[in-house]
C-alpha atoms as a PDB file:
ATOM      1  CA  UNK A   1      78.997 115.279 143.659  1.00  0.00           C
ATOM      2  CA  UNK A   2      77.014 115.340 139.984  1.00  0.00           C
ATOM      3  CA  UNK A   3      75.975 118.806 140.543  1.00  0.00           C
ATOM      4  CA  UNK A   4      79.354 120.493 142.207  1.00  0.00           C
ATOM      5  CA  UNK A   5      83.096 119.940 142.834  1.00  0.00           C
ATOM      6  CA  UNK A   6      84.846 121.639 145.843  1.00  0.00           C
ATOM      7  CA  UNK A   7      88.314 122.208 145.737  1.00  0.00           C
ATOM      8  CA  UNK A   8      89.496 122.800 149.498  1.00  0.00           C
ATOM      9  CA  UNK A   9      92.769 125.219 150.502  1.00  0.00           C
ATOM     10  CA  UNK A  10      93.973 125.718 154.254  1.00  0.00           C
ATOM     11  CA  UNK A  11      92.967 129.144 155.836  1.00  0.00           C
ATOM     12  CA  UNK A  12      95.842 129.589 158.912  1.00  0.00           C
ATOM     13  CA  UNK A  13      94.952 133.068 159.759  1.00  0.00           C
ATOM     14  CA  UNK A  14      91.387 132.214 161.072  1.00  0.00           C
ATOM     15  CA  UNK A  15      91.498 128.818 162.405  1.00  0.00           C
ATOM     16  CA  UNK A  16      88.114 128.979 163.615  1.00  0.00           C
ATOM     17  CA  UNK A  17      85.776 130.137 160.495  1.00  0.00           C
ATOM     18  CA  UNK A  18      85.967 128.505 157.161  1.00  0.00           C
ATOM     19  CA  UNK A  19      85.786 130.510 154.013  1.00  0.00           C
ATOM     20  CA  UNK A  20      82.952 129.282 151.042  1.00  0.00           C
ATOM     21  CA  UNK A  21      83.213 130.735 147.393  1.00  0.00           C
ATOM     22  CA  UNK A  22      81.071 130.045 144.556  1.00  0.00           C
ATOM     23  CA  UNK A  23      82.345 129.690 140.791  1.00  0.00           C
ATOM     24  CA  UNK A  24      79.363 129.141 137.993  1.00  0.00           C
ATOM     25  CA  UNK A  25      81.357 129.469 134.662  1.00  0.00           C
ATOM     26  CA  UNK A  26      79.513 131.088 131.354  1.00  0.00           C
ATOM     27  CA  UNK A  27      79.893 127.344 130.130  1.00  0.00           C
ATOM     28  CA  UNK A  28      76.750 126.352 132.365  1.00  0.00           C
ATOM     29  CA  UNK A  29      74.508 129.418 130.434  1.00  0.00           C
ATOM     30  CA  UNK A  30      73.772 132.815 130.201  1.00  0.00           C
ATOM     31  CA  UNK A  31      73.649 135.386 133.139  1.00  0.00           C
ATOM     32  CA  UNK A  32      69.874 134.360 134.104  1.00  0.00           C
ATOM     33  CA  UNK A  33      71.102 130.788 134.206  1.00  0.00           C
ATOM     34  CA  UNK A  34      74.447 131.462 136.294  1.00  0.00           C
ATOM     35  CA  UNK A  35      72.469 133.905 138.458  1.00  0.00           C
ATOM     36  CA  UNK A  36      69.979 130.908 139.246  1.00  0.00           C
ATOM     37  CA  UNK A  37      72.978 128.188 139.765  1.00  0.00           C
ATOM     38  CA  UNK A  38      74.435 130.784 142.289  1.00  0.00           C
ATOM     39  CA  UNK A  39      71.243 131.016 144.290  1.00  0.00           C
ATOM     40  CA  UNK A  40      70.326 127.597 144.500  1.00  0.00           C
ATOM     41  CA  UNK A  41      73.880 126.974 145.864  1.00  0.00           C
ATOM     42  CA  UNK A  42      73.804 129.561 148.256  1.00  0.00           C
ATOM     43  CA  UNK A  43      70.483 128.532 149.510  1.00  0.00           C
ATOM     44  CA  UNK A  44      72.022 125.009 149.784  1.00  0.00           C
ATOM     45  CA  UNK A  45      75.054 125.721 151.571  1.00  0.00           C
ATOM     46  CA  UNK A  46      73.106 127.848 154.261  1.00  0.00           C
ATOM     47  CA  UNK A  47      70.934 124.610 154.948  1.00  0.00           C
ATOM     48  CA  UNK A  48      73.632 122.388 154.947  1.00  0.00           C
ATOM     49  CA  UNK A  49      76.055 124.894 157.296  1.00  0.00           C
ATOM     50  CA  UNK A  50      75.281 122.540 160.308  1.00  0.00           C
ATOM     51  CA  UNK A  51      77.199 120.155 158.948  1.00  0.00           C
ATOM     52  CA  UNK A  52      80.449 122.130 158.069  1.00  0.00           C
ATOM     53  CA  UNK A  53      82.491 121.891 161.525  1.00  0.00           C
ATOM     54  CA  UNK A  54      85.753 122.118 160.265  1.00  0.00           C
ATOM     55  CA  UNK A  55      87.504 125.682 160.519  1.00  0.00           C
ATOM     56  CA  UNK A  56      90.608 127.038 159.194  1.00  0.00           C
ATOM     57  CA  UNK A  57      90.062 126.239 155.330  1.00  0.00           C
ATOM     58  CA  UNK A  58      88.864 127.871 152.489  1.00  0.00           C
ATOM     59  CA  UNK A  59      86.221 125.970 149.977  1.00  0.00           C
ATOM     60  CA  UNK A  60      85.459 127.024 146.561  1.00  0.00           C
ATOM     61  CA  UNK A  61      82.500 125.435 144.964  1.00  0.00           C
ATOM     62  CA  UNK A  62      82.415 124.852 141.413  1.00  0.00           C
ATOM     63  CA  UNK A  63      79.019 124.279 139.634  1.00  0.00           C
ATOM     64  CA  UNK A  64      77.776 121.609 137.214  1.00  0.00           C
ATOM     65  CA  UNK A  65      75.161 121.875 135.077  1.00  0.00           C
ATOM     66  CA  UNK A  66      73.260 118.939 137.292  1.00  0.00           C
ATOM     67  CA  UNK A  67      73.033 122.009 139.881  1.00  0.00           C
ATOM     68  CA  UNK A  68      70.172 123.881 137.951  1.00  0.00           C
ATOM     69  CA  UNK A  69      68.002 120.768 137.362  1.00  0.00           C
ATOM     70  CA  UNK A  70      69.164 118.638 140.497  1.00  0.00           C
ATOM     71  CA  UNK A  71      66.285 118.532 143.248  1.00  0.00           C
ATOM     72  CA  UNK A  72      67.284 120.585 146.173  1.00  0.00           C
ATOM     73  CA  UNK A  73      67.180 118.269 148.856  1.00  0.00           C
ATOM     74  CA  UNK A  74      69.619 115.848 146.808  1.00  0.00           C
ATOM     75  CA  UNK A  75      71.923 119.160 146.340  1.00  0.00           C
ATOM     76  CA  UNK A  76      71.530 119.660 150.186  1.00  0.00           C
ATOM     77  CA  UNK A  77      72.498 116.073 150.654  1.00  0.00           C
ATOM     78  CA  UNK A  78      75.380 115.944 148.140  1.00  0.00           C
ATOM     79  CA  UNK A  79      77.029 119.111 150.195  1.00  0.00           C
ATOM     80  CA  UNK A  80      76.076 117.301 153.449  1.00  0.00           C
ATOM     81  CA  UNK A  81      78.328 114.588 152.014  1.00  0.00           C
ATOM     82  CA  UNK A  82      80.544 116.822 150.685  1.00  0.00           C
ATOM     83  CA  UNK A  83      81.511 118.471 153.939  1.00  0.00           C
ATOM     84  CA  UNK A  84      81.337 115.267 156.132  1.00  0.00           C
ATOM     85  CA  UNK A  85      84.279 113.759 153.692  1.00  0.00           C
ATOM     86  CA  UNK A  86      85.895 117.296 154.923  1.00  0.00           C
ATOM     87  CA  UNK A  87      85.559 117.004 158.281  1.00  0.00           C
ATOM     88  CA  UNK A  88      86.711 113.000 157.943  1.00  0.00           C
ATOM     89  CA  UNK A  89      90.007 114.536 156.158  1.00  0.00           C
ATOM     90  CA  UNK A  90      90.801 116.869 158.674  1.00  0.00           C
ATOM     91  CA  UNK A  91      90.298 114.437 161.424  1.00  0.00           C
ATOM     92  CA  UNK A  92      92.322 112.011 159.718  1.00  0.00           C
ATOM     93  CA  UNK A  93      95.187 114.091 159.109  1.00  0.00           C
ATOM     94  CA  UNK A  94      94.829 116.076 161.740  1.00  0.00           C
ATOM     95  CA  UNK A  95      94.979 119.616 160.121  1.00  0.00           C
ATOM     96  CA  UNK A  96      93.086 120.908 157.603  1.00  0.00           C
ATOM     97  CA  UNK A  97      92.229 118.816 154.005  1.00  0.00           C
ATOM     98  CA  UNK A  98      94.138 120.417 151.050  1.00  0.00           C
ATOM     99  CA  UNK A  99      93.359 118.259 147.954  1.00  0.00           C
END
């Protein structure tokens, strides 16, 4: 996705839940910029959470520079698309995706 990368790992100890973490590196800017990106991504994850119906995985969302300037509805749309891909991958393999 243009605004972020999603890394996926299995979470066998809690198969009914998905864990989500955010990473915003110093390459993207100072503390004010990084915090703004983090707040935008948190809000977008809350808005797109209904699209993530896969449990038993840990997701790490690694922000890119576009996460700062991307319109919020596009950010939510990108997250929904990423979550749909994760669901399709989980359904196809019969277990959690681990890419």
